[in-house]
Amino acid sequence: MRNRTFADLDRVVALGGGHGLGRVMSSLSSLGSRLTGIVTTTDNGGSTGRIRRSEGGIAWGDMRNCLNQLITEPSVASAMFEYRFGGNGELSGHNLGNLMLKALDHLSVRPLEAINLIRNLLKVDAFLIPMSEQPVDLMAIDVDGNAVYGEVSIDLLTQPPKELMLYPKVQATREAIQAIGEADLLIIGPGSFYTSLIPLLLVEDLAQALRRTPAPMVYVGNLGREQSAAADNLPLEEKLAVMEQYVGKPVVDAVVVGPQIDVSGVKNRIIVQQPLEATDIPHRHDRHLLRIALEKAIQELG
C-alpha cells in the first residue's frame, strides 16, 4: 500500500525526552488522540533533580516539557503550569508544573492519572505516558570501568560509555506496552542520545514490545551539537547500531535527518534528508518541515 499519509494511521507513538519529543508531538498535534508520547523519566538535573533529591519520586521534567509544547490554547492554567519562580529564595528556579505533578504524586494519584488530570486542565488531546511509574536513574560504566550515576554526570562523559543500565530495574508502564503493541508507526528522537533515547530501550519490557511490534520505526536525528561530547562524536550508523543492540534486533526502518548529516554509512534503510531547522530557534526542528519529512518517510515505507 503505497503513499500512505498520517491520515491513514490510527495510532502514532513517539518516544523520547523533553525538548525533542515535545517538538515531534507538537508538529503532529493535529493527530489529536491518535498520537501518544512515551517519555523518559531518568532526568536528575534542574528543578526536577532538586525535587527528586528532597522528595523522591519519578522525574517529571521531560513530561512537563512535552505538555508545555502541546498547549495550543494559552490560558491561566497553562501560564501557571509553565511558571518558573525567580529571585534567590528556596523556590528560585523551580517550575510550578513540576511542583503540581509532584503534589499529585503526594496525593497518591497514579503518575499516569496525574498526567491525564493536567492534560485535561491544559486541553491537550495527545496522550503522554511515562516510560515507568517507578523512580529510576540512569547509570553508566565508563571506558575505565567506573560506575557513573545520573543523567547529568553521564552527559559529561567525553568517551562513549561501555554500558548503560537503569538503577534499579523497573517495569514499563503497562499503557506504554499497550501503545507500542497497537502502533501503526513509531518515531524515536530527536533528543540527547544517551540520556533521552537510550533509557527507554533499557526498560526490558519496553524493548521486548519494540522487538515484537510489526510497526515501522523512524529515527529523527538531532540538528545541533549534542551537549554530550561522547554522543556528539558518534556517526549516525553507530547510533542506530547502539540503539538496536539495546533493543535486541534491527528496528529502525527509516531515518529523518538534516542536510549536514553524513549518511554514507547507513545501509538498508530509507533516508529522508532535507532542511528541517526552525528559523526562530537554531538547532530546533521546524514543526511544519518535520511533519513533511515524516510524511515522506511514511510514503516511502509504504
C-alpha atoms as a PDB file:
ATOM      1  CA  MET A   1       0.000   0.000   0.000  1.00  0.00           C
ATOM      2  CA  ARG A   2       1.989   2.979  -1.277  1.00  0.00           C
ATOM      3  CA  ASN A   3       1.532   6.644  -0.495  1.00  0.00           C
ATOM      4  CA  ARG A   4       0.169   6.293   2.994  1.00  0.00           C
ATOM      5  CA  THR A   5      -0.151   9.549   4.933  1.00  0.00           C
ATOM      6  CA  PHE A   6      -0.750  10.439   8.569  1.00  0.00           C
ATOM      7  CA  ALA A   7      -4.480  10.476   7.750  1.00  0.00           C
ATOM      8  CA  ASP A   8      -4.274   6.684   7.211  1.00  0.00           C
ATOM      9  CA  LEU A   9      -2.705   5.962  10.599  1.00  0.00           C
ATOM     10  CA  ASP A  10      -4.836   5.183  13.657  1.00  0.00           C
ATOM     11  CA  ARG A  11      -2.035   5.148  16.223  1.00  0.00           C
ATOM     12  CA  VAL A  12       1.266   7.017  16.105  1.00  0.00           C
ATOM     13  CA  VAL A  13       3.631   6.515  19.037  1.00  0.00           C
ATOM     14  CA  ALA A  14       6.642   8.798  19.608  1.00  0.00           C
ATOM     15  CA  LEU A  15       9.390   8.014  22.119  1.00  0.00           C
ATOM     16  CA  GLY A  16      11.952  10.335  23.676  1.00  0.00           C
ATOM     17  CA  GLY A  17      12.793  13.014  26.210  1.00  0.00           C
ATOM     18  CA  GLY A  18      11.573  16.544  26.854  1.00  0.00           C
ATOM     19  CA  HIS A  19      12.548  19.009  24.139  1.00  0.00           C
ATOM     20  CA  GLY A  20      12.839  16.585  21.223  1.00  0.00           C
ATOM     21  CA  LEU A  21       9.721  14.542  21.936  1.00  0.00           C
ATOM     22  CA  GLY A  22       7.740  17.723  22.618  1.00  0.00           C
ATOM     23  CA  ARG A  23       8.811  19.079  19.242  1.00  0.00           C
ATOM     24  CA  VAL A  24       7.758  15.911  17.388  1.00  0.00           C
ATOM     25  CA  MET A  25       4.436  15.782  19.201  1.00  0.00           C
ATOM     26  CA  SER A  26       3.653  19.451  18.649  1.00  0.00           C
ATOM     27  CA  SER A  27       4.426  19.027  14.928  1.00  0.00           C
ATOM     28  CA  LEU A  28       1.906  16.159  14.852  1.00  0.00           C
ATOM     29  CA  SER A  29      -0.605  17.644  17.310  1.00  0.00           C
ATOM     30  CA  SER A  30      -3.351  17.706  14.652  1.00  0.00           C
ATOM     31  CA  LEU A  31      -3.491  13.895  15.091  1.00  0.00           C
ATOM     32  CA  GLY A  32      -5.126  14.590  18.470  1.00  0.00           C
ATOM     33  CA  SER A  33      -5.842  11.452  20.470  1.00  0.00           C
ATOM     34  CA  ARG A  34      -4.291   9.249  17.731  1.00  0.00           C
ATOM     35  CA  LEU A  35      -0.900  10.456  18.999  1.00  0.00           C
ATOM     36  CA  THR A  36       0.850   9.039  22.073  1.00  0.00           C
ATOM     37  CA  GLY A  37       4.201  10.009  23.566  1.00  0.00           C
ATOM     38  CA  ILE A  38       6.259   7.673  25.764  1.00  0.00           C
ATOM     39  CA  VAL A  39       8.501   9.825  27.908  1.00  0.00           C
ATOM     40  CA  THR A  40      11.892   9.168  29.514  1.00  0.00           C
ATOM     41  CA  THR A  41      11.824   9.513  33.322  1.00  0.00           C
ATOM     42  CA  THR A  42      15.501   9.449  34.358  1.00  0.00           C
ATOM     43  CA  ASP A  43      16.146  13.232  34.484  1.00  0.00           C
ATOM     44  CA  ASN A  44      18.098  14.319  37.577  1.00  0.00           C
ATOM     45  CA  GLY A  45      19.013  17.916  36.700  1.00  0.00           C
ATOM     46  CA  GLY A  46      17.491  21.340  37.350  1.00  0.00           C
ATOM     47  CA  SER A  47      14.196  21.761  39.186  1.00  0.00           C
ATOM     48  CA  THR A  48      13.334  18.085  38.619  1.00  0.00           C
ATOM     49  CA  GLY A  49      16.606  16.924  40.181  1.00  0.00           C
ATOM     50  CA  ARG A  50      16.096  19.146  43.227  1.00  0.00           C
ATOM     51  CA  ILE A  51      12.571  17.795  43.755  1.00  0.00           C
ATOM     52  CA  ARG A  52      13.785  14.200  43.386  1.00  0.00           C
ATOM     53  CA  ARG A  53      16.619  14.724  45.859  1.00  0.00           C
ATOM     54  CA  SER A  54      14.333  16.196  48.512  1.00  0.00           C
ATOM     55  CA  GLU A  55      11.096  14.296  47.863  1.00  0.00           C
ATOM     56  CA  GLY A  56      11.946  11.196  45.786  1.00  0.00           C
ATOM     57  CA  GLY A  57       9.560  10.021  43.078  1.00  0.00           C
ATOM     58  CA  ILE A  58       9.794   9.880  39.293  1.00  0.00           C
ATOM     59  CA  ALA A  59      11.334  12.629  37.171  1.00  0.00           C
ATOM     60  CA  TRP A  60       8.620  14.947  35.879  1.00  0.00           C
ATOM     61  CA  GLY A  61      10.721  17.452  33.899  1.00  0.00           C
ATOM     62  CA  ASP A  62      10.559  15.816  30.461  1.00  0.00           C
ATOM     63  CA  MET A  63       6.834  15.182  30.854  1.00  0.00           C
ATOM     64  CA  ARG A  64       6.206  18.816  31.768  1.00  0.00           C
ATOM     65  CA  ASN A  65       8.315  19.966  28.801  1.00  0.00           C
ATOM     66  CA  CYS A  66       6.193  17.864  26.411  1.00  0.00           C
ATOM     67  CA  LEU A  67       2.950  19.160  27.915  1.00  0.00           C
ATOM     68  CA  ASN A  68       4.190  22.747  27.551  1.00  0.00           C
ATOM     69  CA  GLN A  69       4.864  22.235  23.851  1.00  0.00           C
ATOM     70  CA  LEU A  70       1.427  20.693  23.281  1.00  0.00           C
ATOM     71  CA  ILE A  71      -0.546  23.607  24.746  1.00  0.00           C
ATOM     72  CA  THR A  72      -2.497  25.144  21.873  1.00  0.00           C
ATOM     73  CA  GLU A  73      -4.877  27.336  23.893  1.00  0.00           C
ATOM     74  CA  PRO A  74      -2.972  29.673  26.228  1.00  0.00           C
ATOM     75  CA  SER A  75      -4.896  30.106  29.480  1.00  0.00           C
ATOM     76  CA  VAL A  76      -4.367  30.954  33.136  1.00  0.00           C
ATOM     77  CA  ALA A  77      -3.887  27.204  33.695  1.00  0.00           C
ATOM     78  CA  SER A  78      -1.148  26.998  31.052  1.00  0.00           C
ATOM     79  CA  ALA A  79       0.560  30.153  32.372  1.00  0.00           C
ATOM     80  CA  MET A  80       0.554  28.564  35.848  1.00  0.00           C
ATOM     81  CA  PHE A  81       1.868  25.276  34.561  1.00  0.00           C
ATOM     82  CA  GLU A  82       4.764  26.976  32.734  1.00  0.00           C
ATOM     83  CA  TYR A  83       5.555  29.406  35.560  1.00  0.00           C
ATOM     84  CA  ARG A  84       9.120  29.371  36.882  1.00  0.00           C
ATOM     85  CA  PHE A  85       9.971  31.071  40.169  1.00  0.00           C
ATOM     86  CA  GLY A  86      12.648  33.776  40.026  1.00  0.00           C
ATOM     87  CA  GLY A  87      14.659  35.506  42.756  1.00  0.00           C
ATOM     88  CA  ASN A  88      17.030  33.652  45.031  1.00  0.00           C
ATOM     89  CA  GLY A  89      14.745  32.142  47.660  1.00  0.00           C
ATOM     90  CA  GLU A  90      14.036  28.473  48.241  1.00  0.00           C
ATOM     91  CA  LEU A  91      11.626  28.297  45.281  1.00  0.00           C
ATOM     92  CA  SER A  92      14.020  30.035  42.898  1.00  0.00           C
ATOM     93  CA  GLY A  93      14.402  28.097  39.639  1.00  0.00           C
ATOM     94  CA  HIS A  94      11.551  25.720  40.459  1.00  0.00           C
ATOM     95  CA  ASN A  95       8.917  25.162  37.847  1.00  0.00           C
ATOM     96  CA  LEU A  96       5.322  25.242  39.090  1.00  0.00           C
ATOM     97  CA  GLY A  97       4.347  22.475  36.643  1.00  0.00           C
ATOM     98  CA  ASN A  98       6.887  20.122  38.249  1.00  0.00           C
ATOM     99  CA  LEU A  99       5.551  21.027  41.711  1.00  0.00           C
ATOM    100  CA  MET A 100       1.928  20.458  40.602  1.00  0.00           C
ATOM    101  CA  LEU A 101       2.789  16.998  39.264  1.00  0.00           C
ATOM    102  CA  LYS A 102       4.758  16.236  42.439  1.00  0.00           C
ATOM    103  CA  ALA A 103       1.814  17.351  44.605  1.00  0.00           C
ATOM    104  CA  LEU A 104      -0.487  14.930  42.759  1.00  0.00           C
ATOM    105  CA  ASP A 105       2.149  12.244  43.387  1.00  0.00           C
ATOM    106  CA  HIS A 106       1.944  13.030  47.131  1.00  0.00           C
ATOM    107  CA  LEU A 107      -1.838  12.708  46.958  1.00  0.00           C
ATOM    108  CA  SER A 108      -1.222   9.102  45.855  1.00  0.00           C
ATOM    109  CA  VAL A 109      -2.557   9.782  42.397  1.00  0.00           C
ATOM    110  CA  ARG A 110      -1.024   7.302  39.968  1.00  0.00           C
ATOM    111  CA  PRO A 111       1.562   9.172  37.784  1.00  0.00           C
ATOM    112  CA  LEU A 112      -0.377   8.398  34.602  1.00  0.00           C
ATOM    113  CA  GLU A 113      -3.598   9.731  36.180  1.00  0.00           C
ATOM    114  CA  ALA A 114      -1.754  12.854  37.346  1.00  0.00           C
ATOM    115  CA  ILE A 115      -0.661  13.470  33.743  1.00  0.00           C
ATOM    116  CA  ASN A 116      -4.223  12.934  32.492  1.00  0.00           C
ATOM    117  CA  LEU A 117      -5.576  15.434  35.027  1.00  0.00           C
ATOM    118  CA  ILE A 118      -3.058  18.029  33.816  1.00  0.00           C
ATOM    119  CA  ARG A 119      -3.754  17.159  30.148  1.00  0.00           C
ATOM    120  CA  ASN A 120      -7.446  17.865  30.717  1.00  0.00           C
ATOM    121  CA  LEU A 121      -6.646  21.107  32.533  1.00  0.00           C
ATOM    122  CA  LEU A 122      -4.466  22.253  29.623  1.00  0.00           C
ATOM    123  CA  LYS A 123      -6.803  20.876  26.905  1.00  0.00           C
ATOM    124  CA  VAL A 124      -4.108  18.613  25.415  1.00  0.00           C
ATOM    125  CA  ASP A 125      -5.575  15.819  23.250  1.00  0.00           C
ATOM    126  CA  ALA A 126      -2.449  13.712  22.679  1.00  0.00           C
ATOM    127  CA  PHE A 127      -1.657  11.067  25.281  1.00  0.00           C
ATOM    128  CA  LEU A 128       1.556  11.112  27.340  1.00  0.00           C
ATOM    129  CA  ILE A 129       2.808   8.058  29.203  1.00  0.00           C
ATOM    130  CA  PRO A 130       5.893   7.877  31.460  1.00  0.00           C
ATOM    131  CA  MET A 131       8.203   5.006  30.422  1.00  0.00           C
ATOM    132  CA  SER A 132       7.883   3.727  34.014  1.00  0.00           C
ATOM    133  CA  GLU A 133       5.918   4.867  37.047  1.00  0.00           C
ATOM    134  CA  GLN A 134       8.697   3.736  39.384  1.00  0.00           C
ATOM    135  CA  PRO A 135      11.567   6.081  40.339  1.00  0.00           C
ATOM    136  CA  VAL A 136      14.666   5.190  38.319  1.00  0.00           C
ATOM    137  CA  ASP A 137      18.083   6.611  37.472  1.00  0.00           C
ATOM    138  CA  LEU A 138      20.428   6.117  34.560  1.00  0.00           C
ATOM    139  CA  MET A 139      23.818   4.573  35.282  1.00  0.00           C
ATOM    140  CA  ALA A 140      26.831   4.078  33.013  1.00  0.00           C
ATOM    141  CA  ILE A 141      30.074   2.148  33.094  1.00  0.00           C
ATOM    142  CA  ASP A 142      32.741   4.400  31.567  1.00  0.00           C
ATOM    143  CA  VAL A 143      35.722   3.314  29.426  1.00  0.00           C
ATOM    144  CA  ASP A 144      37.822   2.853  32.564  1.00  0.00           C
ATOM    145  CA  GLY A 145      35.212   0.599  34.194  1.00  0.00           C
ATOM    146  CA  ASN A 146      33.956   3.195  36.688  1.00  0.00           C
ATOM    147  CA  ALA A 147      30.269   3.499  37.561  1.00  0.00           C
ATOM    148  CA  VAL A 148      28.784   6.910  36.697  1.00  0.00           C
ATOM    149  CA  TYR A 149      25.386   7.744  38.219  1.00  0.00           C
ATOM    150  CA  GLY A 150      22.738  10.063  36.844  1.00  0.00           C
ATOM    151  CA  GLU A 151      21.983  11.785  33.534  1.00  0.00           C
ATOM    152  CA  VAL A 152      23.824  14.992  34.402  1.00  0.00           C
ATOM    153  CA  SER A 153      27.128  13.153  35.050  1.00  0.00           C
ATOM    154  CA  ILE A 154      26.689  10.819  32.065  1.00  0.00           C
ATOM    155  CA  ASP A 155      26.268  13.810  29.734  1.00  0.00           C
ATOM    156  CA  LEU A 156      29.734  14.982  30.871  1.00  0.00           C
ATOM    157  CA  LEU A 157      31.479  11.817  29.590  1.00  0.00           C
ATOM    158  CA  THR A 158      33.888  12.514  26.728  1.00  0.00           C
ATOM    159  CA  GLN A 159      34.094   8.857  25.580  1.00  0.00           C
ATOM    160  CA  PRO A 160      31.126   6.588  24.779  1.00  0.00           C
ATOM    161  CA  PRO A 161      30.229   4.526  27.861  1.00  0.00           C
ATOM    162  CA  LYS A 162      30.931   0.795  27.783  1.00  0.00           C
ATOM    163  CA  GLU A 163      27.450   0.112  29.061  1.00  0.00           C
ATOM    164  CA  LEU A 164      24.280   1.884  30.182  1.00  0.00           C
ATOM    165  CA  MET A 165      21.733   0.497  32.616  1.00  0.00           C
ATOM    166  CA  LEU A 166      18.809   1.564  34.747  1.00  0.00           C
ATOM    167  CA  TYR A 167      19.093   1.543  38.520  1.00  0.00           C
ATOM    168  CA  PRO A 168      17.040  -0.047  39.905  1.00  0.00           C
ATOM    169  CA  LYS A 169      15.490  -2.210  37.179  1.00  0.00           C
ATOM    170  CA  VAL A 170      11.929  -1.047  36.669  1.00  0.00           C
ATOM    171  CA  GLN A 171       8.865  -2.202  34.787  1.00  0.00           C
ATOM    172  CA  ALA A 172       7.375  -0.245  31.927  1.00  0.00           C
ATOM    173  CA  THR A 173       4.031   1.471  32.413  1.00  0.00           C
ATOM    174  CA  ARG A 174       1.524  -1.087  31.090  1.00  0.00           C
ATOM    175  CA  GLU A 175      -0.164   1.534  28.891  1.00  0.00           C
ATOM    176  CA  ALA A 176       3.204   2.164  27.191  1.00  0.00           C
ATOM    177  CA  ILE A 177       3.495  -1.530  26.263  1.00  0.00           C
ATOM    178  CA  GLN A 178      -0.090  -1.472  25.007  1.00  0.00           C
ATOM    179  CA  ALA A 179       0.525   1.684  22.926  1.00  0.00           C
ATOM    180  CA  ILE A 180       3.556   0.130  21.199  1.00  0.00           C
ATOM    181  CA  GLY A 181       1.563  -3.048  20.521  1.00  0.00           C
ATOM    182  CA  GLU A 182      -1.235  -1.046  18.848  1.00  0.00           C
ATOM    183  CA  ALA A 183       1.004   1.406  16.941  1.00  0.00           C
ATOM    184  CA  ASP A 184       0.903   1.844  13.164  1.00  0.00           C
ATOM    185  CA  LEU A 185       4.064   3.965  13.288  1.00  0.00           C
ATOM    186  CA  LEU A 186       6.812   4.505  15.865  1.00  0.00           C
ATOM    187  CA  ILE A 187       9.066   7.564  15.998  1.00  0.00           C
ATOM    188  CA  ILE A 188      12.170   7.846  18.198  1.00  0.00           C
ATOM    189  CA  GLY A 189      14.200  11.033  18.622  1.00  0.00           C
ATOM    190  CA  PRO A 190      15.390  13.696  18.382  1.00  0.00           C
ATOM    191  CA  GLY A 191      16.957  14.092  21.803  1.00  0.00           C
ATOM    192  CA  SER A 192      20.101  13.559  23.850  1.00  0.00           C
ATOM    193  CA  PHE A 193      21.225  10.170  22.619  1.00  0.00           C
ATOM    194  CA  TYR A 194      22.498   8.579  25.829  1.00  0.00           C
ATOM    195  CA  THR A 195      20.198  10.310  28.297  1.00  0.00           C
ATOM    196  CA  SER A 196      16.861  10.798  26.470  1.00  0.00           C
ATOM    197  CA  LEU A 197      16.634   7.953  23.952  1.00  0.00           C
ATOM    198  CA  ILE A 198      18.635   5.021  25.321  1.00  0.00           C
ATOM    199  CA  PRO A 199      16.901   4.949  28.777  1.00  0.00           C
ATOM    200  CA  LEU A 200      13.629   3.935  27.070  1.00  0.00           C
ATOM    201  CA  LEU A 201      15.376   0.977  25.425  1.00  0.00           C
ATOM    202  CA  LEU A 202      16.805  -0.167  28.773  1.00  0.00           C
ATOM    203  CA  VAL A 203      13.342  -0.927  30.192  1.00  0.00           C
ATOM    204  CA  GLU A 204      13.226  -4.651  29.429  1.00  0.00           C
ATOM    205  CA  ASP A 205       9.510  -4.985  28.691  1.00  0.00           C
ATOM    206  CA  LEU A 206       9.577  -1.833  26.515  1.00  0.00           C
ATOM    207  CA  ALA A 207      12.474  -3.268  24.498  1.00  0.00           C
ATOM    208  CA  GLN A 208      10.541  -6.540  24.186  1.00  0.00           C
ATOM    209  CA  ALA A 209       7.468  -4.640  22.898  1.00  0.00           C
ATOM    210  CA  LEU A 210       9.683  -2.909  20.308  1.00  0.00           C
ATOM    211  CA  ARG A 211      11.085  -6.286  19.199  1.00  0.00           C
ATOM    212  CA  ARG A 212       7.575  -7.682  18.760  1.00  0.00           C
ATOM    213  CA  THR A 213       5.770  -4.836  17.034  1.00  0.00           C
ATOM    214  CA  PRO A 214       5.305  -5.046  13.265  1.00  0.00           C
ATOM    215  CA  ALA A 215       5.022  -1.218  13.112  1.00  0.00           C
ATOM    216  CA  PRO A 216       7.779   0.577  11.200  1.00  0.00           C
ATOM    217  CA  MET A 217      10.092   2.851  13.222  1.00  0.00           C
ATOM    218  CA  VAL A 218      11.501   6.196  12.121  1.00  0.00           C
ATOM    219  CA  TYR A 219      14.556   7.700  13.829  1.00  0.00           C
ATOM    220  CA  VAL A 220      14.697  11.519  13.835  1.00  0.00           C
ATOM    221  CA  GLY A 221      18.249  12.837  14.179  1.00  0.00           C
ATOM    222  CA  ASN A 222      19.353  15.933  16.068  1.00  0.00           C
ATOM    223  CA  LEU A 223      20.132  19.134  14.190  1.00  0.00           C
ATOM    224  CA  GLY A 224      22.615  20.793  16.515  1.00  0.00           C
ATOM    225  CA  ARG A 225      25.573  19.594  18.525  1.00  0.00           C
ATOM    226  CA  GLU A 226      24.803  17.264  21.399  1.00  0.00           C
ATOM    227  CA  GLN A 227      25.557  18.520  24.916  1.00  0.00           C
ATOM    228  CA  SER A 228      27.322  15.206  25.435  1.00  0.00           C
ATOM    229  CA  ALA A 229      30.704  15.116  23.658  1.00  0.00           C
ATOM    230  CA  ALA A 230      30.588  11.290  23.696  1.00  0.00           C
ATOM    231  CA  ALA A 231      27.261  11.250  21.803  1.00  0.00           C
ATOM    232  CA  ASP A 232      28.142  14.177  19.537  1.00  0.00           C
ATOM    233  CA  ASN A 233      31.085  12.278  18.029  1.00  0.00           C
ATOM    234  CA  LEU A 234      29.051   9.144  17.200  1.00  0.00           C
ATOM    235  CA  PRO A 235      28.291   8.726  13.481  1.00  0.00           C
ATOM    236  CA  LEU A 236      24.644   8.115  12.584  1.00  0.00           C
ATOM    237  CA  GLU A 237      25.148   4.444  11.707  1.00  0.00           C
ATOM    238  CA  GLU A 238      26.781   3.846  15.122  1.00  0.00           C
ATOM    239  CA  LYS A 239      23.870   5.489  16.925  1.00  0.00           C
ATOM    240  CA  LEU A 240      21.486   3.166  15.108  1.00  0.00           C
ATOM    241  CA  ALA A 241      23.687   0.155  15.935  1.00  0.00           C
ATOM    242  CA  VAL A 242      23.814   1.075  19.655  1.00  0.00           C
ATOM    243  CA  MET A 243      20.036   1.533  19.805  1.00  0.00           C
ATOM    244  CA  GLU A 244      19.410  -1.795  18.106  1.00  0.00           C
ATOM    245  CA  GLN A 245      21.931  -3.545  20.331  1.00  0.00           C
ATOM    246  CA  TYR A 246      19.866  -2.485  23.364  1.00  0.00           C
ATOM    247  CA  VAL A 247      16.549  -3.409  21.707  1.00  0.00           C
ATOM    248  CA  GLY A 248      17.939  -6.767  20.580  1.00  0.00           C
ATOM    249  CA  LYS A 249      17.144  -6.635  16.850  1.00  0.00           C
ATOM    250  CA  PRO A 250      17.121  -4.204  13.894  1.00  0.00           C
ATOM    251  CA  VAL A 251      14.061  -1.993  14.363  1.00  0.00           C
ATOM    252  CA  VAL A 252      14.789   1.332  12.624  1.00  0.00           C
ATOM    253  CA  ASP A 253      13.319   1.306   9.109  1.00  0.00           C
ATOM    254  CA  ALA A 254      13.815   4.960   8.173  1.00  0.00           C
ATOM    255  CA  VAL A 255      15.865   7.963   9.298  1.00  0.00           C
ATOM    256  CA  VAL A 256      14.913  11.633   9.044  1.00  0.00           C
ATOM    257  CA  VAL A 257      17.967  13.916   9.217  1.00  0.00           C
ATOM    258  CA  GLY A 258      19.138  17.388   8.237  1.00  0.00           C
ATOM    259  CA  PRO A 259      21.308  18.089   5.155  1.00  0.00           C
ATOM    260  CA  GLN A 260      24.603  18.322   7.086  1.00  0.00           C
ATOM    261  CA  ILE A 261      24.484  14.769   8.492  1.00  0.00           C
ATOM    262  CA  ASP A 262      26.794  12.157   6.936  1.00  0.00           C
ATOM    263  CA  VAL A 263      24.525   9.280   5.895  1.00  0.00           C
ATOM    264  CA  SER A 264      27.133   7.407   3.821  1.00  0.00           C
ATOM    265  CA  GLY A 265      27.465   4.632   6.428  1.00  0.00           C
ATOM    266  CA  VAL A 266      23.705   3.989   6.703  1.00  0.00           C
ATOM    267  CA  LYS A 267      22.668   0.890   4.772  1.00  0.00           C
ATOM    268  CA  ASN A 268      19.329  -0.799   4.026  1.00  0.00           C
ATOM    269  CA  ARG A 269      17.146   1.936   5.492  1.00  0.00           C
ATOM    270  CA  ILE A 270      15.022   4.649   3.969  1.00  0.00           C
ATOM    271  CA  ILE A 271      16.802   8.010   4.285  1.00  0.00           C
ATOM    272  CA  VAL A 272      14.863  11.272   4.240  1.00  0.00           C
ATOM    273  CA  GLN A 273      17.440  14.061   4.253  1.00  0.00           C
ATOM    274  CA  GLN A 274      16.214  17.630   3.867  1.00  0.00           C
ATOM    275  CA  PRO A 275      16.236  21.022   5.652  1.00  0.00           C
ATOM    276  CA  LEU A 276      14.436  20.756   8.995  1.00  0.00           C
ATOM    277  CA  GLU A 277      15.718  23.691  11.024  1.00  0.00           C
ATOM    278  CA  ALA A 278      13.395  26.276  12.547  1.00  0.00           C
ATOM    279  CA  THR A 279      14.209  29.884  11.645  1.00  0.00           C
ATOM    280  CA  ASP A 280      13.347  31.182  15.134  1.00  0.00           C
ATOM    281  CA  ILE A 281      15.363  28.685  17.222  1.00  0.00           C
ATOM    282  CA  PRO A 282      18.535  27.291  15.612  1.00  0.00           C
ATOM    283  CA  HIS A 283      19.019  23.547  16.103  1.00  0.00           C
ATOM    284  CA  ARG A 284      15.302  23.025  16.786  1.00  0.00           C
ATOM    285  CA  HIS A 285      13.151  21.277  14.217  1.00  0.00           C
ATOM    286  CA  ASP A 286      10.653  23.416  12.365  1.00  0.00           C
ATOM    287  CA  ARG A 287       7.297  21.790  13.109  1.00  0.00           C
ATOM    288  CA  HIS A 288       5.992  22.074   9.541  1.00  0.00           C
ATOM    289  CA  LEU A 289       9.219  20.849   7.886  1.00  0.00           C
ATOM    290  CA  LEU A 290       9.453  17.942  10.333  1.00  0.00           C
ATOM    291  CA  ARG A 291       5.901  16.865   9.586  1.00  0.00           C
ATOM    292  CA  ILE A 292       6.570  16.974   5.824  1.00  0.00           C
ATOM    293  CA  ALA A 293       9.734  14.871   6.280  1.00  0.00           C
ATOM    294  CA  LEU A 294       7.910  12.308   8.425  1.00  0.00           C
ATOM    295  CA  GLU A 295       5.079  12.164   5.887  1.00  0.00           C
ATOM    296  CA  LYS A 296       7.675  11.454   3.178  1.00  0.00           C
ATOM    297  CA  ALA A 297       9.149   8.641   5.287  1.00  0.00           C
ATOM    298  CA  ILE A 298       5.669   7.098   5.746  1.00  0.00           C
ATOM    299  CA  GLN A 299       5.056   7.200   1.993  1.00  0.00           C
ATOM    300  CA  GLU A 300       8.379   5.528   1.254  1.00  0.00           C
ATOM    301  CA  LEU A 301       7.774   2.894   3.939  1.00  0.00           C
ATOM    302  CA  GLY A 302       4.527   2.075   2.087  1.00  0.00           C
END
